[in-house]
Amino acid sequence: NPYHPYDASKAAADLIARSYAMYWGMAAAITRCGNCYGPGDVNWQRLIPGAIRAILEQEDFVIRSDGTQVREYNFVDDIITAYLLIARSLDPFDIPEEQRSQCGETYVISDERGLFSVLQIFQEVKELLHPAGPWKGELVMKDRAQGESQTIELDCTKLKDKLGWYPRTDILNGLAETADWIDKYLYMRESL
């Protein structure tokens, strides 16, 4: 049962999608995934792009917790590949009423190769960007957001077994690609 309104909105969207799929026999699937990161994300309030930007620009970085929360981090290219596989698996033709219970299946997209705390991710980013010079900013920790889970671990067995999907980008390569993109983005933004 969702506690936070954001979580409740996600659960409601799942129910609406499933009900449309079952009632109308629509080819639909529901996807859930852990934290997404990668090139193109300029939401500086998020852990990975925010940490990269703060370190590159020698600014303080605020973590809205004590940093011990553990999560999976999914590289955007892996998530897109999963979405495409799921979309291709949907039957585009009308589904007979007796088979409608199979409509609106849920697939979890997860990089099960590792769980990382917020502080571990921050440390990896800092070490990755060390050649840019020592970071002069400060890590500021604020109280944890109300209702936030300590650990979120997902299981993508169904996606692997049914569709043969596996994540390809490990966290270090994904962070490096993301940092490279953000560095170029910040440079281009400054030169305008």
N, C-alpha and C. Protein backbone atom coordinates (compact mmCIF):
# COMPACT_ATOMS: atom_id res chain seq x y z
N ASN A 1 0.84 -1.18 0.00
CA ASN A 1 0.00 0.00 0.00
C ASN A 1 0.88 1.24 0.00
N PRO A 2 0.73 2.08 -0.99
CA PRO A 2 1.58 3.27 -1.08
C PRO A 2 1.31 4.24 0.06
N TYR A 3 2.38 4.81 0.59
CA TYR A 3 2.29 5.77 1.69
C TYR A 3 2.34 7.20 1.14
N HIS A 4 3.31 7.46 0.31
CA HIS A 4 3.54 8.80 -0.23
C HIS A 4 2.60 9.05 -1.41
N PRO A 5 2.08 10.27 -1.57
CA PRO A 5 1.20 10.57 -2.71
C PRO A 5 1.83 10.24 -4.08
N TYR A 6 3.13 10.44 -4.22
CA TYR A 6 3.78 10.09 -5.49
C TYR A 6 3.65 8.60 -5.76
N ASP A 7 3.89 7.78 -4.73
CA ASP A 7 3.77 6.33 -4.87
C ASP A 7 2.33 5.94 -5.19
N ALA A 8 1.38 6.60 -4.55
CA ALA A 8 -0.04 6.31 -4.81
C ALA A 8 -0.40 6.65 -6.25
N SER A 9 0.16 7.74 -6.78
CA SER A 9 -0.14 8.11 -8.17
C SER A 9 0.39 7.06 -9.15
N LYS A 10 1.56 6.50 -8.83
CA LYS A 10 2.12 5.44 -9.68
C LYS A 10 1.24 4.20 -9.64
N ALA A 11 0.79 3.82 -8.45
CA ALA A 11 -0.07 2.65 -8.30
C ALA A 11 -1.40 2.86 -9.03
N ALA A 12 -1.94 4.07 -8.95
CA ALA A 12 -3.20 4.38 -9.64
C ALA A 12 -3.03 4.27 -11.15
N ALA A 13 -1.91 4.77 -11.67
CA ALA A 13 -1.65 4.68 -13.11
C ALA A 13 -1.57 3.22 -13.55
N ASP A 14 -0.94 2.38 -12.74
CA ASP A 14 -0.87 0.95 -13.04
C ASP A 14 -2.27 0.34 -13.14
N LEU A 15 -3.11 0.66 -12.18
CA LEU A 15 -4.48 0.11 -12.16
C LEU A 15 -5.29 0.58 -13.37
N ILE A 16 -5.16 1.84 -13.72
CA ILE A 16 -5.90 2.37 -14.87
C ILE A 16 -5.43 1.70 -16.15
N ALA A 17 -4.12 1.57 -16.33
CA ALA A 17 -3.59 0.92 -17.53
C ALA A 17 -4.06 -0.54 -17.61
N ARG A 18 -3.98 -1.24 -16.50
CA ARG A 18 -4.41 -2.65 -16.48
C ARG A 18 -5.90 -2.77 -16.77
N SER A 19 -6.72 -1.88 -16.20
CA SER A 19 -8.17 -1.98 -16.43
C SER A 19 -8.51 -1.70 -17.90
N TYR A 20 -7.87 -0.71 -18.50
CA TYR A 20 -8.10 -0.45 -19.93
C TYR A 20 -7.69 -1.65 -20.76
N ALA A 21 -6.53 -2.21 -20.45
CA ALA A 21 -6.04 -3.36 -21.21
C ALA A 21 -6.99 -4.55 -21.11
N MET A 22 -7.44 -4.83 -19.90
CA MET A 22 -8.32 -5.99 -19.71
C MET A 22 -9.72 -5.75 -20.27
N TYR A 23 -10.27 -4.57 -20.04
CA TYR A 23 -11.64 -4.29 -20.49
C TYR A 23 -11.74 -4.23 -22.01
N TRP A 24 -10.80 -3.51 -22.62
CA TRP A 24 -10.86 -3.31 -24.06
C TRP A 24 -10.02 -4.32 -24.84
N GLY A 25 -9.30 -5.17 -24.13
CA GLY A 25 -8.45 -6.14 -24.82
C GLY A 25 -7.28 -5.47 -25.53
N MET A 26 -6.81 -4.37 -24.97
CA MET A 26 -5.71 -3.62 -25.58
C MET A 26 -4.38 -4.30 -25.30
N ALA A 27 -3.49 -4.20 -26.25
CA ALA A 27 -2.13 -4.68 -26.03
C ALA A 27 -1.41 -3.61 -25.22
N ALA A 28 -1.23 -3.86 -23.94
CA ALA A 28 -0.61 -2.88 -23.06
C ALA A 28 0.26 -3.61 -22.04
N ALA A 29 1.26 -2.92 -21.57
CA ALA A 29 2.13 -3.45 -20.52
C ALA A 29 2.41 -2.33 -19.53
N ILE A 30 2.70 -2.73 -18.32
CA ILE A 30 3.06 -1.79 -17.27
C ILE A 30 4.53 -2.00 -16.96
N THR A 31 5.27 -0.92 -16.86
CA THR A 31 6.69 -1.03 -16.55
C THR A 31 6.98 -0.31 -15.25
N ARG A 32 7.93 -0.87 -14.53
CA ARG A 32 8.43 -0.24 -13.30
C ARG A 32 9.94 -0.35 -13.33
N CYS A 33 10.61 0.70 -12.95
CA CYS A 33 12.07 0.59 -12.89
C CYS A 33 12.61 1.43 -11.74
N GLY A 34 13.82 1.10 -11.38
CA GLY A 34 14.49 1.83 -10.31
C GLY A 34 14.99 3.17 -10.82
N ASN A 35 15.94 3.73 -10.13
CA ASN A 35 16.47 5.04 -10.48
C ASN A 35 17.14 5.01 -11.84
N CYS A 36 16.69 5.90 -12.70
CA CYS A 36 17.25 6.03 -14.05
C CYS A 36 18.29 7.14 -14.04
N TYR A 37 19.41 6.89 -14.73
CA TYR A 37 20.42 7.93 -14.88
C TYR A 37 21.04 7.81 -16.26
N GLY A 38 21.68 8.87 -16.69
CA GLY A 38 22.38 8.82 -17.96
C GLY A 38 22.44 10.17 -18.63
N PRO A 39 23.08 10.22 -19.79
CA PRO A 39 23.18 11.46 -20.55
C PRO A 39 21.81 12.06 -20.83
N GLY A 40 21.75 13.38 -20.80
CA GLY A 40 20.51 14.09 -21.09
C GLY A 40 19.73 14.51 -19.86
N ASP A 41 20.08 14.02 -18.70
CA ASP A 41 19.38 14.36 -17.47
C ASP A 41 20.03 15.59 -16.85
N VAL A 42 19.32 16.70 -16.88
CA VAL A 42 19.84 17.94 -16.28
C VAL A 42 18.98 18.38 -15.09
N ASN A 43 18.36 17.42 -14.45
CA ASN A 43 17.64 17.72 -13.21
C ASN A 43 18.67 17.70 -12.09
N TRP A 44 19.18 18.86 -11.74
CA TRP A 44 20.28 18.96 -10.78
C TRP A 44 19.85 18.58 -9.37
N GLN A 45 18.56 18.39 -9.13
CA GLN A 45 18.08 17.94 -7.82
C GLN A 45 18.27 16.44 -7.64
N ARG A 46 18.51 15.73 -8.73
CA ARG A 46 18.70 14.29 -8.68
C ARG A 46 20.15 13.98 -8.33
N LEU A 47 20.36 12.84 -7.70
CA LEU A 47 21.68 12.49 -7.16
C LEU A 47 22.79 12.54 -8.20
N ILE A 48 22.68 11.76 -9.24
CA ILE A 48 23.82 11.61 -10.16
C ILE A 48 24.10 12.88 -10.96
N PRO A 49 23.13 13.46 -11.67
CA PRO A 49 23.48 14.69 -12.39
C PRO A 49 23.85 15.83 -11.45
N GLY A 50 23.19 15.90 -10.29
CA GLY A 50 23.51 16.96 -9.33
C GLY A 50 24.91 16.85 -8.78
N ALA A 51 25.32 15.62 -8.44
CA ALA A 51 26.67 15.41 -7.91
C ALA A 51 27.72 15.72 -8.97
N ILE A 52 27.49 15.27 -10.19
CA ILE A 52 28.45 15.53 -11.27
C ILE A 52 28.60 17.03 -11.47
N ARG A 53 27.50 17.74 -11.56
CA ARG A 53 27.56 19.19 -11.78
C ARG A 53 28.26 19.89 -10.62
N ALA A 54 27.91 19.53 -9.39
CA ALA A 54 28.51 20.18 -8.22
C ALA A 54 30.02 19.97 -8.20
N ILE A 55 30.46 18.78 -8.51
CA ILE A 55 31.90 18.49 -8.48
C ILE A 55 32.61 19.21 -9.63
N LEU A 56 32.03 19.18 -10.82
CA LEU A 56 32.65 19.87 -11.95
C LEU A 56 32.73 21.38 -11.73
N GLU A 57 31.71 21.94 -11.09
CA GLU A 57 31.66 23.39 -10.90
C GLU A 57 32.16 23.83 -9.52
N GLN A 58 32.73 22.88 -8.77
CA GLN A 58 33.32 23.19 -7.46
C GLN A 58 32.30 23.83 -6.52
N GLU A 59 31.10 23.27 -6.49
CA GLU A 59 30.03 23.78 -5.64
C GLU A 59 29.70 22.76 -4.55
N ASP A 60 29.03 23.25 -3.51
CA ASP A 60 28.53 22.34 -2.48
C ASP A 60 27.46 21.44 -3.09
N PHE A 61 27.31 20.26 -2.50
CA PHE A 61 26.26 19.34 -2.95
C PHE A 61 25.43 18.91 -1.75
N VAL A 62 24.12 19.02 -1.90
CA VAL A 62 23.20 18.68 -0.81
C VAL A 62 22.58 17.31 -1.07
N ILE A 63 22.70 16.44 -0.08
CA ILE A 63 22.02 15.15 -0.09
C ILE A 63 20.85 15.27 0.87
N ARG A 64 19.67 14.95 0.38
CA ARG A 64 18.46 15.09 1.19
C ARG A 64 18.23 13.86 2.07
N SER A 65 19.28 13.40 2.70
CA SER A 65 19.19 12.22 3.58
C SER A 65 20.51 12.10 4.32
N ASP A 66 20.65 10.98 5.04
CA ASP A 66 21.92 10.71 5.70
C ASP A 66 22.87 9.97 4.76
N GLY A 67 22.41 9.66 3.55
CA GLY A 67 23.27 9.04 2.54
C GLY A 67 23.34 7.53 2.60
N THR A 68 22.64 6.92 3.53
CA THR A 68 22.73 5.46 3.67
C THR A 68 21.67 4.70 2.89
N GLN A 69 20.71 5.41 2.29
CA GLN A 69 19.67 4.73 1.52
C GLN A 69 20.31 3.98 0.36
N VAL A 70 19.80 2.77 0.12
CA VAL A 70 20.37 1.88 -0.88
C VAL A 70 19.39 1.72 -2.03
N ARG A 71 19.92 1.84 -3.25
CA ARG A 71 19.10 1.76 -4.46
C ARG A 71 19.84 1.03 -5.57
N GLU A 72 19.06 0.66 -6.59
CA GLU A 72 19.63 0.20 -7.86
C GLU A 72 19.61 1.41 -8.79
N TYR A 73 20.59 1.49 -9.65
CA TYR A 73 20.66 2.58 -10.61
C TYR A 73 20.70 1.98 -12.00
N ASN A 74 19.75 2.40 -12.84
CA ASN A 74 19.58 1.84 -14.17
C ASN A 74 20.00 2.85 -15.23
N PHE A 75 20.92 2.44 -16.09
CA PHE A 75 21.39 3.33 -17.15
C PHE A 75 20.29 3.49 -18.19
N VAL A 76 20.10 4.71 -18.66
CA VAL A 76 18.99 5.04 -19.55
C VAL A 76 18.95 4.17 -20.81
N ASP A 77 20.09 3.85 -21.40
CA ASP A 77 20.09 3.01 -22.61
C ASP A 77 19.53 1.62 -22.32
N ASP A 78 19.83 1.08 -21.15
CA ASP A 78 19.29 -0.23 -20.78
C ASP A 78 17.78 -0.17 -20.60
N ILE A 79 17.29 0.91 -20.03
CA ILE A 79 15.85 1.06 -19.83
C ILE A 79 15.15 1.19 -21.18
N ILE A 80 15.72 1.97 -22.08
CA ILE A 80 15.12 2.13 -23.41
C ILE A 80 15.07 0.79 -24.14
N THR A 81 16.14 0.01 -24.05
CA THR A 81 16.16 -1.32 -24.67
C THR A 81 15.05 -2.19 -24.11
N ALA A 82 14.84 -2.14 -22.80
CA ALA A 82 13.77 -2.92 -22.17
C ALA A 82 12.40 -2.46 -22.67
N TYR A 83 12.18 -1.14 -22.72
CA TYR A 83 10.90 -0.62 -23.22
C TYR A 83 10.63 -1.11 -24.64
N LEU A 84 11.65 -1.06 -25.49
CA LEU A 84 11.48 -1.50 -26.88
C LEU A 84 11.15 -2.99 -26.96
N LEU A 85 11.84 -3.81 -26.17
CA LEU A 85 11.53 -5.24 -26.15
C LEU A 85 10.10 -5.50 -25.70
N ILE A 86 9.69 -4.80 -24.67
CA ILE A 86 8.32 -4.97 -24.15
C ILE A 86 7.31 -4.54 -25.21
N ALA A 87 7.54 -3.39 -25.84
CA ALA A 87 6.61 -2.90 -26.86
C ALA A 87 6.51 -3.88 -28.03
N ARG A 88 7.64 -4.43 -28.45
CA ARG A 88 7.64 -5.38 -29.56
C ARG A 88 6.94 -6.69 -29.19
N SER A 89 6.88 -7.00 -27.90
CA SER A 89 6.26 -8.26 -27.48
C SER A 89 4.73 -8.18 -27.44
N LEU A 90 4.20 -6.97 -27.50
CA LEU A 90 2.75 -6.80 -27.42
C LEU A 90 2.10 -7.19 -28.74
N ASP A 91 1.03 -7.95 -28.67
CA ASP A 91 0.28 -8.35 -29.85
C ASP A 91 -0.56 -7.16 -30.31
N PRO A 92 -0.34 -6.68 -31.53
CA PRO A 92 -1.07 -5.49 -31.97
C PRO A 92 -2.53 -5.76 -32.33
N PHE A 93 -2.92 -7.03 -32.39
CA PHE A 93 -4.29 -7.36 -32.80
C PHE A 93 -5.20 -7.45 -31.59
N ASP A 94 -6.47 -7.34 -31.82
CA ASP A 94 -7.44 -7.45 -30.73
C ASP A 94 -7.26 -8.77 -30.00
N ILE A 95 -7.39 -8.72 -28.72
CA ILE A 95 -7.19 -9.90 -27.89
C ILE A 95 -8.56 -10.45 -27.50
N PRO A 96 -8.81 -11.75 -27.72
CA PRO A 96 -10.12 -12.32 -27.36
C PRO A 96 -10.41 -12.16 -25.87
N GLU A 97 -11.68 -12.06 -25.55
CA GLU A 97 -12.09 -11.81 -24.16
C GLU A 97 -11.56 -12.86 -23.19
N GLU A 98 -11.49 -14.12 -23.60
CA GLU A 98 -11.02 -15.18 -22.69
C GLU A 98 -9.53 -15.05 -22.37
N GLN A 99 -8.79 -14.24 -23.13
CA GLN A 99 -7.37 -14.06 -22.88
C GLN A 99 -7.05 -12.70 -22.28
N ARG A 100 -8.06 -11.93 -21.97
CA ARG A 100 -7.83 -10.56 -21.51
C ARG A 100 -7.16 -10.47 -20.15
N SER A 101 -7.21 -11.54 -19.38
CA SER A 101 -6.55 -11.51 -18.07
C SER A 101 -5.03 -11.38 -18.23
N GLN A 102 -4.51 -11.69 -19.41
CA GLN A 102 -3.07 -11.58 -19.67
C GLN A 102 -2.68 -10.17 -20.10
N CYS A 103 -3.66 -9.34 -20.38
CA CYS A 103 -3.38 -7.97 -20.82
C CYS A 103 -2.88 -7.15 -19.63
N GLY A 104 -2.07 -6.18 -19.91
CA GLY A 104 -1.59 -5.29 -18.85
C GLY A 104 -0.58 -5.94 -17.93
N GLU A 105 0.24 -6.82 -18.49
CA GLU A 105 1.28 -7.46 -17.67
C GLU A 105 2.26 -6.41 -17.15
N THR A 106 2.85 -6.71 -16.02
CA THR A 106 3.83 -5.80 -15.41
C THR A 106 5.23 -6.37 -15.58
N TYR A 107 6.14 -5.51 -16.02
CA TYR A 107 7.54 -5.87 -16.15
C TYR A 107 8.37 -4.92 -15.30
N VAL A 108 9.28 -5.48 -14.55
CA VAL A 108 10.19 -4.68 -13.72
C VAL A 108 11.53 -4.59 -14.44
N ILE A 109 12.01 -3.37 -14.59
CA ILE A 109 13.30 -3.11 -15.22
C ILE A 109 14.28 -2.78 -14.10
N SER A 110 15.31 -3.60 -13.98
CA SER A 110 16.19 -3.45 -12.84
C SER A 110 17.60 -3.92 -13.18
N ASP A 111 18.58 -3.18 -12.72
CA ASP A 111 19.96 -3.62 -12.84
C ASP A 111 20.31 -4.32 -11.53
N GLU A 112 20.17 -5.62 -11.52
CA GLU A 112 20.35 -6.39 -10.29
C GLU A 112 21.81 -6.66 -9.96
N ARG A 113 22.72 -6.04 -10.69
CA ARG A 113 24.14 -6.33 -10.47
C ARG A 113 24.71 -5.61 -9.26
N GLY A 114 23.95 -4.73 -8.67
CA GLY A 114 24.49 -4.06 -7.49
C GLY A 114 23.55 -3.06 -6.89
N LEU A 115 23.60 -3.00 -5.58
CA LEU A 115 22.89 -1.99 -4.82
C LEU A 115 23.93 -1.02 -4.29
N PHE A 116 23.62 0.26 -4.36
CA PHE A 116 24.58 1.28 -3.94
C PHE A 116 23.88 2.29 -3.05
N SER A 117 24.59 2.71 -2.01
CA SER A 117 24.04 3.77 -1.16
C SER A 117 24.26 5.11 -1.87
N VAL A 118 23.53 6.10 -1.43
CA VAL A 118 23.68 7.45 -1.96
C VAL A 118 25.13 7.90 -1.80
N LEU A 119 25.71 7.64 -0.63
CA LEU A 119 27.11 8.04 -0.39
C LEU A 119 28.08 7.29 -1.30
N GLN A 120 27.81 6.01 -1.58
CA GLN A 120 28.68 5.26 -2.49
C GLN A 120 28.64 5.86 -3.89
N ILE A 121 27.46 6.20 -4.35
CA ILE A 121 27.34 6.81 -5.69
C ILE A 121 28.08 8.14 -5.71
N PHE A 122 27.89 8.95 -4.68
CA PHE A 122 28.59 10.24 -4.63
C PHE A 122 30.10 10.03 -4.66
N GLN A 123 30.59 9.07 -3.89
CA GLN A 123 32.03 8.79 -3.84
C GLN A 123 32.55 8.33 -5.20
N GLU A 124 31.79 7.47 -5.88
CA GLU A 124 32.19 7.01 -7.22
C GLU A 124 32.29 8.18 -8.19
N VAL A 125 31.32 9.08 -8.13
CA VAL A 125 31.34 10.26 -9.01
C VAL A 125 32.55 11.12 -8.69
N LYS A 126 32.81 11.32 -7.41
CA LYS A 126 33.96 12.15 -7.00
C LYS A 126 35.27 11.54 -7.49
N GLU A 127 35.43 10.23 -7.33
CA GLU A 127 36.66 9.57 -7.79
C GLU A 127 36.78 9.61 -9.30
N LEU A 128 35.67 9.45 -9.99
CA LEU A 128 35.66 9.50 -11.45
C LEU A 128 36.12 10.86 -11.96
N LEU A 129 35.71 11.92 -11.29
CA LEU A 129 36.02 13.28 -11.74
C LEU A 129 37.27 13.85 -11.11
N HIS A 130 38.00 13.07 -10.34
CA HIS A 130 39.21 13.55 -9.67
C HIS A 130 40.22 14.16 -10.64
N PRO A 131 40.38 13.62 -11.86
CA PRO A 131 41.32 14.26 -12.79
C PRO A 131 40.97 15.73 -13.07
N ALA A 132 39.71 16.11 -12.84
CA ALA A 132 39.33 17.50 -13.04
C ALA A 132 39.86 18.39 -11.92
N GLY A 133 40.53 17.80 -10.95
CA GLY A 133 41.08 18.55 -9.83
C GLY A 133 40.33 18.23 -8.56
N PRO A 134 40.94 18.51 -7.41
CA PRO A 134 40.27 18.21 -6.15
C PRO A 134 39.00 19.05 -6.00
N TRP A 135 37.99 18.42 -5.48
CA TRP A 135 36.72 19.11 -5.28
C TRP A 135 36.83 20.02 -4.07
N LYS A 136 36.43 21.27 -4.24
CA LYS A 136 36.52 22.26 -3.16
C LYS A 136 35.19 22.49 -2.48
N GLY A 137 34.16 21.83 -2.98
CA GLY A 137 32.83 21.99 -2.38
C GLY A 137 32.70 21.20 -1.10
N GLU A 138 31.51 21.26 -0.54
CA GLU A 138 31.23 20.54 0.70
C GLU A 138 29.98 19.68 0.50
N LEU A 139 30.02 18.50 1.10
CA LEU A 139 28.86 17.60 1.07
C LEU A 139 27.97 17.95 2.26
N VAL A 140 26.75 18.38 1.97
CA VAL A 140 25.80 18.79 3.00
C VAL A 140 24.70 17.74 3.07
N MET A 141 24.49 17.20 4.27
CA MET A 141 23.44 16.20 4.44
C MET A 141 22.28 16.80 5.21
N LYS A 142 21.09 16.64 4.64
CA LYS A 142 19.88 17.13 5.29
C LYS A 142 19.06 15.94 5.74
N ASP A 143 18.06 16.22 6.53
CA ASP A 143 17.19 15.14 7.02
C ASP A 143 16.56 14.38 5.87
N ARG A 144 16.32 13.12 6.12
CA ARG A 144 15.70 12.24 5.13
C ARG A 144 14.28 12.71 4.81
N ALA A 145 13.92 12.57 3.54
CA ALA A 145 12.55 12.88 3.13
C ALA A 145 11.58 11.95 3.85
N GLN A 146 10.46 12.49 4.26
CA GLN A 146 9.48 11.71 5.01
C GLN A 146 8.95 10.55 4.17
N GLY A 147 8.90 9.37 4.77
CA GLY A 147 8.33 8.21 4.11
C GLY A 147 9.24 7.53 3.11
N GLU A 148 10.50 7.92 3.06
CA GLU A 148 11.42 7.33 2.08
C GLU A 148 11.93 5.98 2.59
N SER A 149 11.94 5.00 1.70
CA SER A 149 12.40 3.66 2.05
C SER A 149 13.91 3.63 2.20
N GLN A 150 14.40 2.82 3.12
CA GLN A 150 15.84 2.68 3.33
C GLN A 150 16.48 1.91 2.17
N THR A 151 15.83 0.84 1.74
CA THR A 151 16.37 0.01 0.67
C THR A 151 15.28 -0.27 -0.35
N ILE A 152 15.61 -0.09 -1.62
CA ILE A 152 14.71 -0.47 -2.70
C ILE A 152 15.48 -1.41 -3.61
N GLU A 153 15.01 -2.65 -3.64
CA GLU A 153 15.64 -3.68 -4.47
C GLU A 153 14.54 -4.31 -5.32
N LEU A 154 14.76 -4.35 -6.63
CA LEU A 154 13.76 -4.84 -7.56
C LEU A 154 14.19 -6.17 -8.18
N ASP A 155 13.22 -6.89 -8.71
CA ASP A 155 13.47 -8.20 -9.30
C ASP A 155 12.97 -8.20 -10.75
N CYS A 156 13.88 -8.35 -11.70
CA CYS A 156 13.50 -8.32 -13.11
C CYS A 156 13.54 -9.70 -13.75
N THR A 157 13.35 -10.74 -12.96
CA THR A 157 13.39 -12.12 -13.46
C THR A 157 12.42 -12.32 -14.62
N LYS A 158 11.20 -11.81 -14.49
CA LYS A 158 10.20 -11.99 -15.55
C LYS A 158 10.67 -11.39 -16.87
N LEU A 159 11.24 -10.20 -16.83
CA LEU A 159 11.73 -9.54 -18.04
C LEU A 159 12.88 -10.34 -18.66
N LYS A 160 13.75 -10.87 -17.84
CA LYS A 160 14.86 -11.69 -18.33
C LYS A 160 14.34 -12.99 -18.94
N ASP A 161 13.47 -13.68 -18.19
CA ASP A 161 12.98 -14.99 -18.63
C ASP A 161 12.08 -14.91 -19.86
N LYS A 162 11.15 -13.96 -19.88
CA LYS A 162 10.19 -13.88 -20.98
C LYS A 162 10.75 -13.21 -22.22
N LEU A 163 11.56 -12.18 -22.04
CA LEU A 163 12.00 -11.38 -23.19
C LEU A 163 13.51 -11.39 -23.40
N GLY A 164 14.25 -12.04 -22.53
CA GLY A 164 15.70 -12.15 -22.71
C GLY A 164 16.46 -10.86 -22.48
N TRP A 165 15.90 -9.95 -21.70
CA TRP A 165 16.57 -8.66 -21.47
C TRP A 165 17.57 -8.77 -20.32
N TYR A 166 18.71 -8.17 -20.52
CA TYR A 166 19.72 -8.04 -19.46
C TYR A 166 20.33 -6.65 -19.57
N PRO A 167 20.62 -6.00 -18.44
CA PRO A 167 21.30 -4.71 -18.52
C PRO A 167 22.72 -4.89 -19.05
N ARG A 168 23.18 -3.94 -19.82
CA ARG A 168 24.52 -4.04 -20.42
C ARG A 168 25.53 -3.07 -19.82
N THR A 169 25.06 -1.96 -19.30
CA THR A 169 25.97 -0.91 -18.86
C THR A 169 26.17 -0.99 -17.35
N ASP A 170 27.41 -1.25 -16.93
CA ASP A 170 27.67 -1.28 -15.49
C ASP A 170 27.74 0.14 -14.95
N ILE A 171 27.66 0.25 -13.65
CA ILE A 171 27.54 1.56 -13.00
C ILE A 171 28.74 2.47 -13.30
N LEU A 172 29.95 1.93 -13.31
CA LEU A 172 31.12 2.79 -13.54
C LEU A 172 31.15 3.34 -14.96
N ASN A 173 30.86 2.50 -15.95
CA ASN A 173 30.82 2.98 -17.33
C ASN A 173 29.66 3.94 -17.54
N GLY A 174 28.52 3.65 -16.91
CA GLY A 174 27.37 4.54 -17.02
C GLY A 174 27.64 5.91 -16.40
N LEU A 175 28.29 5.92 -15.24
CA LEU A 175 28.64 7.19 -14.61
C LEU A 175 29.63 7.98 -15.46
N ALA A 176 30.60 7.28 -16.04
CA ALA A 176 31.59 7.94 -16.89
C ALA A 176 30.92 8.58 -18.11
N GLU A 177 30.03 7.84 -18.75
CA GLU A 177 29.33 8.38 -19.93
C GLU A 177 28.45 9.57 -19.55
N THR A 178 27.80 9.47 -18.41
CA THR A 178 26.94 10.55 -17.93
C THR A 178 27.76 11.78 -17.59
N ALA A 179 28.87 11.59 -16.89
CA ALA A 179 29.74 12.72 -16.52
C ALA A 179 30.30 13.40 -17.76
N ASP A 180 30.69 12.62 -18.74
CA ASP A 180 31.21 13.19 -19.99
C ASP A 180 30.15 14.05 -20.67
N TRP A 181 28.93 13.55 -20.73
CA TRP A 181 27.85 14.31 -21.37
C TRP A 181 27.58 15.60 -20.60
N ILE A 182 27.49 15.52 -19.27
CA ILE A 182 27.19 16.71 -18.46
C ILE A 182 28.32 17.72 -18.58
N ASP A 183 29.56 17.26 -18.59
CA ASP A 183 30.70 18.17 -18.75
C ASP A 183 30.58 18.95 -20.06
N LYS A 184 30.26 18.26 -21.14
CA LYS A 184 30.09 18.92 -22.44
C LYS A 184 28.89 19.86 -22.43
N TYR A 185 27.82 19.44 -21.79
CA TYR A 185 26.62 20.27 -21.70
C TYR A 185 26.94 21.57 -20.95
N LEU A 186 27.62 21.47 -19.82
CA LEU A 186 27.95 22.66 -19.04
C LEU A 186 28.88 23.59 -19.81
N TYR A 187 29.84 23.02 -20.54
CA TYR A 187 30.76 23.82 -21.35
C TYR A 187 29.99 24.57 -22.43
N MET A 188 29.10 23.85 -23.12
CA MET A 188 28.32 24.48 -24.20
C MET A 188 27.40 25.56 -23.64
N ARG A 189 26.82 25.31 -22.48
CA ARG A 189 25.92 26.29 -21.87
C ARG A 189 26.68 27.56 -21.52
N GLU A 190 27.90 27.41 -21.01
CA GLU A 190 28.71 28.58 -20.64
C GLU A 190 29.15 29.38 -21.86
N SER A 191 29.37 28.69 -22.98
CA SER A 191 29.87 29.40 -24.15
C SER A 191 28.78 30.10 -24.95
N LEU A 192 27.54 29.94 -24.55
CA LEU A 192 26.45 30.62 -25.29
C LEU A 192 26.31 32.05 -24.86
